[in-house]
Amino acid sequence: MSALPVALVGLGEVGEVLARDLHAAGGVTLGAWDRLFPQPASAPRRLADSLPYLERAASMAQAVRGRSLVISAVTAAECCAAAAEVARSIERGAFYLDLNSVSPGTKAQAAHAIEAAGGRYVEAAVMSPISPQRLGAPLWLAGPHAAEFLPQARTLGFTGAAVYSASPGKAAAAKMCRSVIVKGMEALLAESLVTARHYQVEDAVLSSLKDLLPAADWSHLARYMIGRSLQHGARRAEEMREAVRTVAEAGLDPWMSRGCVERQQWAAEHADAQQVEGLAGVLDALLQELSLPPGERTGSGTP
């Protein structure tokens, strides 16, 4: 059996997992494109250059031509632009697996571009962090081509893949509603515990959560969740803007999701605190940042 030609669009956190695991599983040839490839010092470019089995394309068109499967794992804000660019070069009948965390409305726009060009759009939602399960993470598929794509997904190593619905938008809606809770908890923990640390009551707050929301170690969980915001806050803010759109499309005013956008973006602007060990250290680092004059804060844009 000949190797399946696969194109990866986006070589960030998810794209790296896909590149390494699809190669390890075998049976594929891999090409990739990331909008940061023209920048030699960028993380996607350095990653691509370090993987000898990955063909780093010079353009989206070069990455996509001749590929039977295109997997899109860009940021939420780039979902439609990536689909529109892929549509100019996608092979007729090729599957387009859209892993991006966006609203049903945004997925519909991306699907229209791909289908109009003769591709087969498959909506997908990764319903957990990509690590530690990696390709085995739960992957919900939706849309008219989902059932047809499922056997290929399983062959490629997506052991957690399942058809959630033949109706477009269902997997995206489930993912976005999950994000309202998960990214919202990250934002709430940051806001609550930075404040609690200021008043020196964070241990009492964490202890009081055990009865309401049992967890083995709330301090560890809080450090992990706040850390994810600090590390990936910009991307999470983009995703939560899509959650805002999802909630609004349902007719509900997205007050909580709009607030989460702001807190996730705030976390991205204080990313240096992620380097500090322990929850107390992270909270102290954030408080120290807040005590500085605005022009001296990380991410302020002022030297």
Foldseek 3Di string as FASTA:
>chain_A
DAAAEEEEEDCDPLNVLLVVLLVVLDRHQYEYEYPCLVPCPDPSVVSQVVDVRYHYDPDLLRRAAPGQEYEYDHFLVCQLVSLLVSLVRHDAAREYEYAYQFALVSLVNSCVSNVVSRYHYKYKYQQDPCPDCPLQGAIEIEAQCQVVCVVVSVSSPNNNYDHPYNDGRPNSLVRLVVLLPLLLVLLVLLVVQLVCVVVVCNVVVQVVCCVVPNDPDSQVVNLVSVLCLLVCLVSSLSSLVRSCVNCVVVVHRPPSSVVSSVSSVVSPQQSVLSVFDGSSSSSVSVVVLVPDPLLPHRNSPHD
